[in-house]
Each structure stands twice: as structure tokens, then as C-alpha cells.
Amino acid sequence: MSKQVAVLMGGWSSEREVSLVSGAAVSKSLSDAGMTVTSIDVQRDMGALMTRLYPRPDAIFNALHGRFGEDGCVQGVLDILDIPYTHSGLLASALAMDKPMAKRLFTEVGIPVAEHIIATREEIMKGDLLERPYVVKPLNEGSSVGVHIVPEGDNEPLFNDTGWPYGDRVMVEKFISGKELTVAVMGDRALGVTEIKTGREFYDYEAKYEDGGSHHVVPADIDPDVAEEAMRLSVLAHQSLGCRGLSRADFRCDDKELYLLEINTQPGMTPTSLVPEQAAYANISFQELVVWMVDNAECDS
């Protein structure tokens, strides 16, 4: 009997458009694999979502990105409904999305992270809180949304007249020069290391999703010992937050020193996304990847 799968996509976060592309790719692949797929563009109406989830599917593929979709909110709803879903559960999702809390837990298990402080918008506007260059980022956004690098000699205001839409507090983090690396973790297995190259200031939203915005080197042309350590730290980070299914760890590598930037519990599944590309390098097709994710769906009810 064909497995009934609902694919959640869209949502109302700043990453809505990317989620729609991810969801469409996943829906097609699962359909091609013989599953019966219902694609749901999630709106800010839980009653409507409940209606679309009846009759109850065998599993949910959560292709939502950003706040409310990967921060534990939707996961909590699905736990209540007792429907298995892909990716991490409520607690791991919430921890990974909360950058300060995630970094605190990474430090506890010996994973190196960049120096940072948490500050208000007003405190930042009074002057530099760290030696330049440094990075200002929201506490709980994904896909580099709202991230701003403050270099030497930059006199541009950090916040324009429209304000700061990402909350009252932000993270001010030391900028780590060097290579941008990423590692996909599938279950408890690191698939490899990718180096991300871009002509932009850093690997921002446009570099992630626009055609030609970045170039991915798979496997990364780095010291084998550094690659091995990046994979070890990625699995450790995945486990320390209690992640399950698929995750992606993002690093900066300064010479041979690795610094974990964050764990993404809902990596993109678009045509330019890093995880499907890395899975292909490990001889796992896109269809095999998404079917594995559905087969390993769980809930915390």
C-alpha cells in the first residue's frame, strides 16, 4: 500500500519562497517514488492546517524554513496530533534556532565557537562592542537573513529608519576569516565536507539561493585532518542538541582552526542546496534521501 505523505511548505517566515521551492522538489520526488503526496502551503491558520491533515497521513515531510517552521512551533503541533514528521523534534529544533543557547551547549561539549555578546539595538548604535571586523545577526533567523558584517572603516548605519524587524536583541559575533565549510549529517553519519565559495562579502541569502551566487567544492580541498575534524564536530553538534534525521553544520575555518557557526535542522532542498549535493557525492540520490527521511520520520508524543 502506498504511503500517504503530507509535505508542509511555504509558511509566513522570511524564508517562504525558498520553502516553496524545497517543498515542490520534495513533493515531486516522493510522488515519483510511488508515495501519495499532499502538498500543503501552510498559512497562519492552524484550523485550516488541521483540516488539510485529515484523513491523517502516515508521515509529514516538513519542508518549512525559518521561524515557526523549524523552531519547534510546528513540531509541537505535530507531536500533539501524533503524526510522525521529518527532521528534528520540538526541543532540538528550538535549541538550534536559538543561536545563543545552541552556542552555550556547543561550548559545553568542547565544540569551538566564535566569541560573541548579546546586545540591544540601542547598545550597538552607541558604538562598537567588539573589535572590528564583527558580525551582527538576529538571534533566531535562518538562511543568513538579517546578517550584517561590520568591517574596518565602515561608517554606514547598522539600522535604517525602518528599524530592525528581528527582535529587540541581536548577536554581535567576532568575524572569522577563512574558508566557509559545511557538513551534512544523516542520522549519525557525516556525509562529507563542502567548501562554499562566493564573490559576495559572505555567504548571504542571495549567495545561497540565486543562480551563480556561490560555487560549491565537493569534497572541500582542505587538509584531510581538518575535514575529519569537521565531520566529527558536526556529528557531535547534531547529537548534543538531540537532533534526528538530517541536519547541516556550518563552519568557518581560519587556517586549521574550526569554528562552528550554527546547526541547521531544516536544510534547504532546492536545486542549489548543499545537502542534496553532498548526498549525491556520497552516492545517495535526491529521491533516496527524501524517502529515507520519510521512512525515519518520528514524533515526540
C-alpha atoms as a PDB file:
ATOM      1  CA  MET A   1       0.000   0.000   0.000  1.00  0.00           C
ATOM      2  CA  SER A   2       1.321   3.449  -0.929  1.00  0.00           C
ATOM      3  CA  LYS A   3       2.487   5.609   1.962  1.00  0.00           C
ATOM      4  CA  GLN A   4       0.415   8.778   2.455  1.00  0.00           C
ATOM      5  CA  VAL A   5       2.689  11.780   2.951  1.00  0.00           C
ATOM      6  CA  ALA A   6       1.830  15.450   3.528  1.00  0.00           C
ATOM      7  CA  VAL A   7       4.535  17.950   2.574  1.00  0.00           C
ATOM      8  CA  LEU A   8       4.420  21.184   4.575  1.00  0.00           C
ATOM      9  CA  MET A   9       5.880  24.167   2.716  1.00  0.00           C
ATOM     10  CA  GLY A  10       5.635  27.929   2.361  1.00  0.00           C
ATOM     11  CA  GLY A  11       4.704  29.328   5.744  1.00  0.00           C
ATOM     12  CA  TRP A  12       4.990  33.009   6.599  1.00  0.00           C
ATOM     13  CA  SER A  13       8.625  33.438   7.605  1.00  0.00           C
ATOM     14  CA  SER A  14      11.240  35.436   5.715  1.00  0.00           C
ATOM     15  CA  GLU A  15      12.213  32.155   4.007  1.00  0.00           C
ATOM     16  CA  ARG A  16       8.788  31.437   2.498  1.00  0.00           C
ATOM     17  CA  GLU A  17       9.878  31.469  -1.150  1.00  0.00           C
ATOM     18  CA  VAL A  18      12.791  29.108  -0.533  1.00  0.00           C
ATOM     19  CA  SER A  19      10.489  26.745   1.353  1.00  0.00           C
ATOM     20  CA  LEU A  20       8.076  26.629  -1.581  1.00  0.00           C
ATOM     21  CA  VAL A  21      10.905  25.582  -3.908  1.00  0.00           C
ATOM     22  CA  SER A  22      12.137  22.950  -1.430  1.00  0.00           C
ATOM     23  CA  GLY A  23       8.611  21.602  -0.944  1.00  0.00           C
ATOM     24  CA  ALA A  24       7.922  21.349  -4.662  1.00  0.00           C
ATOM     25  CA  ALA A  25      11.137  19.381  -5.266  1.00  0.00           C
ATOM     26  CA  VAL A  26      10.393  17.032  -2.355  1.00  0.00           C
ATOM     27  CA  SER A  27       6.765  16.502  -3.399  1.00  0.00           C
ATOM     28  CA  LYS A  28       7.737  15.541  -6.942  1.00  0.00           C
ATOM     29  CA  SER A  29      10.439  13.167  -5.790  1.00  0.00           C
ATOM     30  CA  LEU A  30       8.214  11.405  -3.261  1.00  0.00           C
ATOM     31  CA  SER A  31       5.460  11.083  -5.877  1.00  0.00           C
ATOM     32  CA  ASP A  32       7.956   9.610  -8.345  1.00  0.00           C
ATOM     33  CA  ALA A  33       8.903   7.100  -5.614  1.00  0.00           C
ATOM     34  CA  GLY A  34       5.299   5.858  -5.549  1.00  0.00           C
ATOM     35  CA  MET A  35       4.032   7.690  -2.467  1.00  0.00           C
ATOM     36  CA  THR A  36       0.699   9.504  -2.345  1.00  0.00           C
ATOM     37  CA  VAL A  37       1.616  13.125  -1.662  1.00  0.00           C
ATOM     38  CA  THR A  38      -0.465  16.081  -0.469  1.00  0.00           C
ATOM     39  CA  SER A  39       1.358  19.405  -0.755  1.00  0.00           C
ATOM     40  CA  ILE A  40       0.217  21.975   1.833  1.00  0.00           C
ATOM     41  CA  ASP A  41       1.103  25.672   1.669  1.00  0.00           C
ATOM     42  CA  VAL A  42       0.952  26.416   5.394  1.00  0.00           C
ATOM     43  CA  GLN A  43      -0.749  29.659   6.362  1.00  0.00           C
ATOM     44  CA  ARG A  44      -1.119  31.312   9.766  1.00  0.00           C
ATOM     45  CA  ASP A  45      -4.351  29.370  10.387  1.00  0.00           C
ATOM     46  CA  MET A  46      -3.954  26.201  12.428  1.00  0.00           C
ATOM     47  CA  GLY A  47      -7.601  25.270  11.881  1.00  0.00           C
ATOM     48  CA  ALA A  48      -7.033  25.170   8.134  1.00  0.00           C
ATOM     49  CA  LEU A  49      -3.891  23.062   8.644  1.00  0.00           C
ATOM     50  CA  MET A  50      -5.840  20.569  10.790  1.00  0.00           C
ATOM     51  CA  THR A  51      -8.412  20.249   8.014  1.00  0.00           C
ATOM     52  CA  ARG A  52      -5.732  19.525   5.414  1.00  0.00           C
ATOM     53  CA  LEU A  53      -4.241  16.842   7.668  1.00  0.00           C
ATOM     54  CA  TYR A  54      -7.469  14.820   7.613  1.00  0.00           C
ATOM     55  CA  PRO A  55      -7.515  11.959   6.790  1.00  0.00           C
ATOM     56  CA  ARG A  56      -4.373  11.535   8.884  1.00  0.00           C
ATOM     57  CA  PRO A  57      -1.259  10.968   6.723  1.00  0.00           C
ATOM     58  CA  ASP A  58       1.289   8.281   7.534  1.00  0.00           C
ATOM     59  CA  ALA A  59       4.035  10.914   7.778  1.00  0.00           C
ATOM     60  CA  ILE A  60       4.771  14.610   7.368  1.00  0.00           C
ATOM     61  CA  PHE A  61       7.700  15.901   5.335  1.00  0.00           C
ATOM     62  CA  ASN A  62       8.431  19.255   6.933  1.00  0.00           C
ATOM     63  CA  ALA A  63       9.860  21.464   4.192  1.00  0.00           C
ATOM     64  CA  LEU A  64       9.197  24.687   6.107  1.00  0.00           C
ATOM     65  CA  HIS A  65      12.155  27.012   6.680  1.00  0.00           C
ATOM     66  CA  GLY A  66      12.653  29.775   9.207  1.00  0.00           C
ATOM     67  CA  ARG A  67      10.625  30.808  12.229  1.00  0.00           C
ATOM     68  CA  PHE A  68       7.513  28.829  13.165  1.00  0.00           C
ATOM     69  CA  GLY A  69       8.503  26.047  10.762  1.00  0.00           C
ATOM     70  CA  GLU A  70      11.858  24.954  12.161  1.00  0.00           C
ATOM     71  CA  ASP A  71      11.936  26.445  15.653  1.00  0.00           C
ATOM     72  CA  GLY A  72       9.729  23.894  17.403  1.00  0.00           C
ATOM     73  CA  CYS A  73       6.341  25.512  16.789  1.00  0.00           C
ATOM     74  CA  VAL A  74       5.042  23.242  14.021  1.00  0.00           C
ATOM     75  CA  GLN A  75       6.863  20.316  15.620  1.00  0.00           C
ATOM     76  CA  GLY A  76       4.806  20.822  18.794  1.00  0.00           C
ATOM     77  CA  VAL A  77       1.564  20.797  16.811  1.00  0.00           C
ATOM     78  CA  LEU A  78       2.540  17.572  15.046  1.00  0.00           C
ATOM     79  CA  ASP A  79       3.544  15.998  18.369  1.00  0.00           C
ATOM     80  CA  ILE A  80       0.053  16.738  19.715  1.00  0.00           C
ATOM     81  CA  LEU A  81      -1.505  15.204  16.592  1.00  0.00           C
ATOM     82  CA  ASP A  82       0.791  12.162  16.955  1.00  0.00           C
ATOM     83  CA  ILE A  83       1.855  12.300  13.289  1.00  0.00           C
ATOM     84  CA  PRO A  84       5.489  11.313  12.538  1.00  0.00           C
ATOM     85  CA  TYR A  85       7.478  14.084  10.845  1.00  0.00           C
ATOM     86  CA  THR A  86      10.900  14.509   9.277  1.00  0.00           C
ATOM     87  CA  HIS A  87      13.872  16.318  10.801  1.00  0.00           C
ATOM     88  CA  SER A  88      14.374  17.144  14.472  1.00  0.00           C
ATOM     89  CA  GLY A  89      11.797  17.266  17.236  1.00  0.00           C
ATOM     90  CA  LEU A  90      10.495  20.231  19.223  1.00  0.00           C
ATOM     91  CA  LEU A  91      13.354  20.699  21.688  1.00  0.00           C
ATOM     92  CA  ALA A  92      16.250  20.196  19.264  1.00  0.00           C
ATOM     93  CA  SER A  93      14.575  22.482  16.718  1.00  0.00           C
ATOM     94  CA  ALA A  94      14.053  25.226  19.296  1.00  0.00           C
ATOM     95  CA  LEU A  95      17.619  24.938  20.617  1.00  0.00           C
ATOM     96  CA  ALA A  96      19.203  25.044  17.166  1.00  0.00           C
ATOM     97  CA  MET A  97      17.183  28.114  16.177  1.00  0.00           C
ATOM     98  CA  ASP A  98      18.163  29.973  19.366  1.00  0.00           C
ATOM     99  CA  LYS A  99      21.753  30.860  18.459  1.00  0.00           C
ATOM    100  CA  PRO A 100      22.955  31.903  21.957  1.00  0.00           C
ATOM    101  CA  MET A 101      21.570  28.771  23.614  1.00  0.00           C
ATOM    102  CA  ALA A 102      22.960  26.498  20.893  1.00  0.00           C
ATOM    103  CA  LYS A 103      26.418  28.064  21.235  1.00  0.00           C
ATOM    104  CA  ARG A 104      26.297  27.584  25.001  1.00  0.00           C
ATOM    105  CA  LEU A 105      25.572  23.866  24.536  1.00  0.00           C
ATOM    106  CA  PHE A 106      28.273  23.505  21.876  1.00  0.00           C
ATOM    107  CA  THR A 107      30.804  25.053  24.240  1.00  0.00           C
ATOM    108  CA  GLU A 108      29.788  22.606  26.976  1.00  0.00           C
ATOM    109  CA  VAL A 109      30.812  19.628  24.801  1.00  0.00           C
ATOM    110  CA  GLY A 110      34.042  21.235  23.574  1.00  0.00           C
ATOM    111  CA  ILE A 111      32.972  22.496  20.156  1.00  0.00           C
ATOM    112  CA  PRO A 112      34.767  25.786  19.319  1.00  0.00           C
ATOM    113  CA  VAL A 113      32.517  28.757  18.509  1.00  0.00           C
ATOM    114  CA  ALA A 114      33.228  32.400  17.704  1.00  0.00           C
ATOM    115  CA  GLU A 115      33.394  34.937  20.536  1.00  0.00           C
ATOM    116  CA  HIS A 116      30.097  36.810  20.854  1.00  0.00           C
ATOM    117  CA  ILE A 117      27.945  39.028  23.035  1.00  0.00           C
ATOM    118  CA  ILE A 118      24.198  39.666  23.094  1.00  0.00           C
ATOM    119  CA  ALA A 119      23.196  43.317  22.851  1.00  0.00           C
ATOM    120  CA  THR A 120      20.225  45.563  22.275  1.00  0.00           C
ATOM    121  CA  ARG A 121      19.795  47.670  19.181  1.00  0.00           C
ATOM    122  CA  GLU A 122      20.403  50.809  21.257  1.00  0.00           C
ATOM    123  CA  GLU A 123      23.680  49.454  22.683  1.00  0.00           C
ATOM    124  CA  ILE A 124      25.002  48.685  19.203  1.00  0.00           C
ATOM    125  CA  MET A 125      24.146  52.150  17.908  1.00  0.00           C
ATOM    126  CA  LYS A 126      26.279  53.735  20.662  1.00  0.00           C
ATOM    127  CA  GLY A 127      29.467  52.212  19.273  1.00  0.00           C
ATOM    128  CA  ASP A 128      31.464  49.068  18.606  1.00  0.00           C
ATOM    129  CA  LEU A 129      31.016  46.336  21.205  1.00  0.00           C
ATOM    130  CA  LEU A 130      33.715  44.104  19.689  1.00  0.00           C
ATOM    131  CA  GLU A 131      36.880  44.879  17.789  1.00  0.00           C
ATOM    132  CA  ARG A 132      36.215  45.133  14.059  1.00  0.00           C
ATOM    133  CA  PRO A 133      35.503  43.236  11.923  1.00  0.00           C
ATOM    134  CA  TYR A 134      32.473  41.691  13.576  1.00  0.00           C
ATOM    135  CA  VAL A 135      29.102  40.285  12.564  1.00  0.00           C
ATOM    136  CA  VAL A 136      25.640  41.394  13.664  1.00  0.00           C
ATOM    137  CA  LYS A 137      22.924  38.752  13.319  1.00  0.00           C
ATOM    138  CA  PRO A 138      19.390  38.038  14.562  1.00  0.00           C
ATOM    139  CA  LEU A 139      19.093  35.553  17.404  1.00  0.00           C
ATOM    140  CA  ASN A 140      16.628  33.263  15.672  1.00  0.00           C
ATOM    141  CA  GLU A 141      16.577  33.556  11.884  1.00  0.00           C
ATOM    142  CA  GLY A 142      17.958  31.205   9.232  1.00  0.00           C
ATOM    143  CA  SER A 143      19.478  31.462   5.736  1.00  0.00           C
ATOM    144  CA  SER A 144      21.661  34.406   6.831  1.00  0.00           C
ATOM    145  CA  VAL A 145      18.574  36.634   6.986  1.00  0.00           C
ATOM    146  CA  GLY A 146      19.485  39.949   8.641  1.00  0.00           C
ATOM    147  CA  VAL A 147      23.203  39.135   8.925  1.00  0.00           C
ATOM    148  CA  HIS A 148      25.499  42.149   8.523  1.00  0.00           C
ATOM    149  CA  ILE A 149      29.303  42.285   8.591  1.00  0.00           C
ATOM    150  CA  VAL A 150      30.834  45.452  10.091  1.00  0.00           C
ATOM    151  CA  PRO A 151      34.318  45.908   8.545  1.00  0.00           C
ATOM    152  CA  GLU A 152      37.112  48.319   9.353  1.00  0.00           C
ATOM    153  CA  GLY A 153      36.354  51.879   8.270  1.00  0.00           C
ATOM    154  CA  ASP A 154      32.632  51.307   7.672  1.00  0.00           C
ATOM    155  CA  ASN A 155      30.541  54.309   8.680  1.00  0.00           C
ATOM    156  CA  GLU A 156      27.217  53.065   7.338  1.00  0.00           C
ATOM    157  CA  PRO A 157      24.436  52.852   9.969  1.00  0.00           C
ATOM    158  CA  LEU A 158      23.560  49.301  11.000  1.00  0.00           C
ATOM    159  CA  PHE A 159      19.864  50.061  11.248  1.00  0.00           C
ATOM    160  CA  ASN A 160      17.985  52.307   8.845  1.00  0.00           C
ATOM    161  CA  ASP A 161      14.877  54.361   9.554  1.00  0.00           C
ATOM    162  CA  THR A 162      12.594  51.357   9.036  1.00  0.00           C
ATOM    163  CA  GLY A 163      14.033  49.787  12.175  1.00  0.00           C
ATOM    164  CA  TRP A 164      15.147  46.231  12.928  1.00  0.00           C
ATOM    165  CA  PRO A 165      12.415  43.608  12.326  1.00  0.00           C
ATOM    166  CA  TYR A 166      14.189  40.706  14.058  1.00  0.00           C
ATOM    167  CA  GLY A 167      13.596  41.420  17.752  1.00  0.00           C
ATOM    168  CA  ASP A 168      14.952  43.687  20.496  1.00  0.00           C
ATOM    169  CA  ARG A 169      18.277  41.887  20.922  1.00  0.00           C
ATOM    170  CA  VAL A 170      20.932  40.743  18.458  1.00  0.00           C
ATOM    171  CA  MET A 171      24.136  38.731  18.497  1.00  0.00           C
ATOM    172  CA  VAL A 172      27.413  40.576  17.939  1.00  0.00           C
ATOM    173  CA  GLU A 173      29.973  37.965  16.903  1.00  0.00           C
ATOM    174  CA  LYS A 174      33.664  38.094  16.067  1.00  0.00           C
ATOM    175  CA  PHE A 175      34.190  37.740  12.315  1.00  0.00           C
ATOM    176  CA  ILE A 176      36.264  34.668  11.489  1.00  0.00           C
ATOM    177  CA  SER A 177      38.177  35.000   8.238  1.00  0.00           C
ATOM    178  CA  GLY A 178      38.962  31.939   6.162  1.00  0.00           C
ATOM    179  CA  LYS A 179      37.060  29.199   4.407  1.00  0.00           C
ATOM    180  CA  GLU A 180      33.308  28.602   4.641  1.00  0.00           C
ATOM    181  CA  LEU A 181      32.667  24.888   5.206  1.00  0.00           C
ATOM    182  CA  THR A 182      29.523  22.845   5.687  1.00  0.00           C
ATOM    183  CA  VAL A 183      28.809  19.240   6.657  1.00  0.00           C
ATOM    184  CA  ALA A 184      25.564  17.302   6.247  1.00  0.00           C
ATOM    185  CA  VAL A 185      24.690  14.765   8.933  1.00  0.00           C
ATOM    186  CA  MET A 186      22.284  11.974   8.020  1.00  0.00           C
ATOM    187  CA  GLY A 187      21.271  10.088  11.127  1.00  0.00           C
ATOM    188  CA  ASP A 188      24.604   9.803  12.915  1.00  0.00           C
ATOM    189  CA  ARG A 189      26.710   9.829   9.734  1.00  0.00           C
ATOM    190  CA  ALA A 190      28.556  12.819   8.301  1.00  0.00           C
ATOM    191  CA  LEU A 191      28.299  12.732   4.506  1.00  0.00           C
ATOM    192  CA  GLY A 192      31.385  14.849   3.747  1.00  0.00           C
ATOM    193  CA  VAL A 193      32.679  18.412   3.741  1.00  0.00           C
ATOM    194  CA  THR A 194      31.803  21.101   1.204  1.00  0.00           C
ATOM    195  CA  GLU A 195      33.660  24.384   0.770  1.00  0.00           C
ATOM    196  CA  ILE A 196      31.453  27.288  -0.246  1.00  0.00           C
ATOM    197  CA  LYS A 197      32.994  29.996  -2.395  1.00  0.00           C
ATOM    198  CA  THR A 198      31.244  33.230  -3.274  1.00  0.00           C
ATOM    199  CA  GLY A 199      32.173  36.557  -4.806  1.00  0.00           C
ATOM    200  CA  ARG A 200      29.902  38.306  -2.307  1.00  0.00           C
ATOM    201  CA  GLU A 201      31.003  39.713   1.049  1.00  0.00           C
ATOM    202  CA  PHE A 202      29.937  36.449   2.690  1.00  0.00           C
ATOM    203  CA  TYR A 203      27.595  33.504   2.109  1.00  0.00           C
ATOM    204  CA  ASP A 204      24.411  35.567   2.454  1.00  0.00           C
ATOM    205  CA  TYR A 205      20.810  34.888   1.390  1.00  0.00           C
ATOM    206  CA  GLU A 206      21.421  35.813  -2.256  1.00  0.00           C
ATOM    207  CA  ALA A 207      24.594  33.726  -2.409  1.00  0.00           C
ATOM    208  CA  LYS A 208      22.645  30.760  -1.056  1.00  0.00           C
ATOM    209  CA  TYR A 209      19.706  30.859  -3.455  1.00  0.00           C
ATOM    210  CA  GLU A 210      20.445  32.908  -6.572  1.00  0.00           C
ATOM    211  CA  ASP A 211      21.868  31.154  -9.645  1.00  0.00           C
ATOM    212  CA  GLY A 212      25.618  31.689  -9.668  1.00  0.00           C
ATOM    213  CA  GLY A 213      25.566  33.177  -6.169  1.00  0.00           C
ATOM    214  CA  SER A 214      28.049  30.631  -4.897  1.00  0.00           C
ATOM    215  CA  HIS A 215      30.295  27.790  -6.002  1.00  0.00           C
ATOM    216  CA  HIS A 216      30.426  24.543  -4.029  1.00  0.00           C
ATOM    217  CA  VAL A 217      33.579  22.423  -3.906  1.00  0.00           C
ATOM    218  CA  VAL A 218      32.681  18.818  -3.002  1.00  0.00           C
ATOM    219  CA  PRO A 219      34.745  17.444  -1.371  1.00  0.00           C
ATOM    220  CA  ALA A 220      36.420  20.522   0.070  1.00  0.00           C
ATOM    221  CA  ASP A 221      40.067  20.965  -0.892  1.00  0.00           C
ATOM    222  CA  ILE A 222      41.335  21.084   2.685  1.00  0.00           C
ATOM    223  CA  ASP A 223      43.708  19.189   4.935  1.00  0.00           C
ATOM    224  CA  PRO A 224      42.272  15.657   5.499  1.00  0.00           C
ATOM    225  CA  ASP A 225      42.690  16.059   9.251  1.00  0.00           C
ATOM    226  CA  VAL A 226      40.619  19.265   9.176  1.00  0.00           C
ATOM    227  CA  ALA A 227      37.926  17.525   7.115  1.00  0.00           C
ATOM    228  CA  GLU A 228      37.826  14.631   9.556  1.00  0.00           C
ATOM    229  CA  GLU A 229      37.537  17.009  12.499  1.00  0.00           C
ATOM    230  CA  ALA A 230      34.741  18.984  10.808  1.00  0.00           C
ATOM    231  CA  MET A 231      32.769  15.766  10.323  1.00  0.00           C
ATOM    232  CA  ARG A 232      33.395  14.678  13.920  1.00  0.00           C
ATOM    233  CA  LEU A 233      32.269  18.032  15.299  1.00  0.00           C
ATOM    234  CA  SER A 234      29.179  18.016  13.067  1.00  0.00           C
ATOM    235  CA  VAL A 235      28.006  14.664  14.412  1.00  0.00           C
ATOM    236  CA  LEU A 236      28.807  15.793  17.963  1.00  0.00           C
ATOM    237  CA  ALA A 237      26.810  19.004  17.487  1.00  0.00           C
ATOM    238  CA  HIS A 238      23.901  17.034  15.967  1.00  0.00           C
ATOM    239  CA  GLN A 239      23.887  14.719  18.974  1.00  0.00           C
ATOM    240  CA  SER A 240      24.442  17.428  21.607  1.00  0.00           C
ATOM    241  CA  LEU A 241      21.242  19.242  20.570  1.00  0.00           C
ATOM    242  CA  GLY A 242      19.325  15.974  20.268  1.00  0.00           C
ATOM    243  CA  CYS A 243      18.809  16.323  16.516  1.00  0.00           C
ATOM    244  CA  ARG A 244      17.473  13.487  14.418  1.00  0.00           C
ATOM    245  CA  GLY A 245      17.098  12.792  10.726  1.00  0.00           C
ATOM    246  CA  LEU A 246      19.011  15.340   8.671  1.00  0.00           C
ATOM    247  CA  SER A 247      20.956  18.409   9.777  1.00  0.00           C
ATOM    248  CA  ARG A 248      23.716  20.639   8.408  1.00  0.00           C
ATOM    249  CA  ALA A 249      26.604  22.153  10.346  1.00  0.00           C
ATOM    250  CA  ASP A 250      28.177  25.398   9.098  1.00  0.00           C
ATOM    251  CA  PHE A 251      31.781  26.305   9.945  1.00  0.00           C
ATOM    252  CA  ARG A 252      34.399  28.954   9.361  1.00  0.00           C
ATOM    253  CA  CYS A 253      37.947  27.632   9.089  1.00  0.00           C
ATOM    254  CA  ASP A 254      40.738  30.064   9.979  1.00  0.00           C
ATOM    255  CA  ASP A 255      43.873  28.299   8.747  1.00  0.00           C
ATOM    256  CA  LYS A 256      43.366  24.947  10.519  1.00  0.00           C
ATOM    257  CA  GLU A 257      41.104  26.157  13.345  1.00  0.00           C
ATOM    258  CA  LEU A 258      37.420  25.308  13.003  1.00  0.00           C
ATOM    259  CA  TYR A 259      34.591  27.411  14.474  1.00  0.00           C
ATOM    260  CA  LEU A 260      31.007  26.146  14.390  1.00  0.00           C
ATOM    261  CA  LEU A 261      28.602  28.896  13.358  1.00  0.00           C
ATOM    262  CA  GLU A 262      25.312  27.022  13.660  1.00  0.00           C
ATOM    263  CA  ILE A 263      23.338  23.841  13.105  1.00  0.00           C
ATOM    264  CA  ASN A 264      20.518  23.976  10.561  1.00  0.00           C
ATOM    265  CA  THR A 265      17.861  21.386  11.403  1.00  0.00           C
ATOM    266  CA  GLN A 266      15.855  22.057   8.213  1.00  0.00           C
ATOM    267  CA  PRO A 267      18.454  22.342   5.426  1.00  0.00           C
ATOM    268  CA  GLY A 268      17.256  23.593   2.072  1.00  0.00           C
ATOM    269  CA  MET A 269      16.168  21.057  -0.532  1.00  0.00           C
ATOM    270  CA  THR A 270      16.268  23.391  -3.543  1.00  0.00           C
ATOM    271  CA  PRO A 271      18.165  22.723  -6.798  1.00  0.00           C
ATOM    272  CA  THR A 272      21.124  24.760  -5.450  1.00  0.00           C
ATOM    273  CA  SER A 273      21.034  23.360  -1.907  1.00  0.00           C
ATOM    274  CA  LEU A 274      24.105  21.978  -0.207  1.00  0.00           C
ATOM    275  CA  VAL A 275      22.738  18.811   1.415  1.00  0.00           C
ATOM    276  CA  PRO A 276      21.335  17.127  -1.720  1.00  0.00           C
ATOM    277  CA  GLU A 277      24.596  17.949  -3.481  1.00  0.00           C
ATOM    278  CA  GLN A 278      26.627  16.417  -0.677  1.00  0.00           C
ATOM    279  CA  ALA A 279      24.355  13.359  -0.574  1.00  0.00           C
ATOM    280  CA  ALA A 280      24.928  12.849  -4.302  1.00  0.00           C
ATOM    281  CA  TYR A 281      28.672  12.896  -3.660  1.00  0.00           C
ATOM    282  CA  ALA A 282      28.037  10.093  -1.124  1.00  0.00           C
ATOM    283  CA  ASN A 283      26.133   8.161  -3.844  1.00  0.00           C
ATOM    284  CA  ILE A 284      22.718   8.934  -2.343  1.00  0.00           C
ATOM    285  CA  SER A 285      20.239  10.252  -4.905  1.00  0.00           C
ATOM    286  CA  PHE A 286      17.778  13.016  -4.060  1.00  0.00           C
ATOM    287  CA  GLN A 287      14.933  10.507  -4.152  1.00  0.00           C
ATOM    288  CA  GLU A 288      16.778   8.087  -1.883  1.00  0.00           C
ATOM    289  CA  LEU A 289      17.463  10.944   0.518  1.00  0.00           C
ATOM    290  CA  VAL A 290      13.870  12.155   0.847  1.00  0.00           C
ATOM    291  CA  VAL A 291      12.458   8.610   1.016  1.00  0.00           C
ATOM    292  CA  TRP A 292      14.926   7.822   3.813  1.00  0.00           C
ATOM    293  CA  MET A 293      13.752  10.929   5.650  1.00  0.00           C
ATOM    294  CA  VAL A 294      10.100   9.864   5.391  1.00  0.00           C
ATOM    295  CA  ASP A 295      10.906   6.306   6.426  1.00  0.00           C
ATOM    296  CA  ASN A 296      12.713   7.666   9.514  1.00  0.00           C
ATOM    297  CA  ALA A 297      10.041  10.221  10.468  1.00  0.00           C
ATOM    298  CA  GLU A 298       9.166  10.349  14.192  1.00  0.00           C
ATOM    299  CA  CYS A 299       7.221  12.407  16.684  1.00  0.00           C
ATOM    300  CA  ASP A 300       7.626  13.047  20.411  1.00  0.00           C
ATOM    301  CA  SER A 301       4.086  12.255  21.508  1.00  0.00           C
END
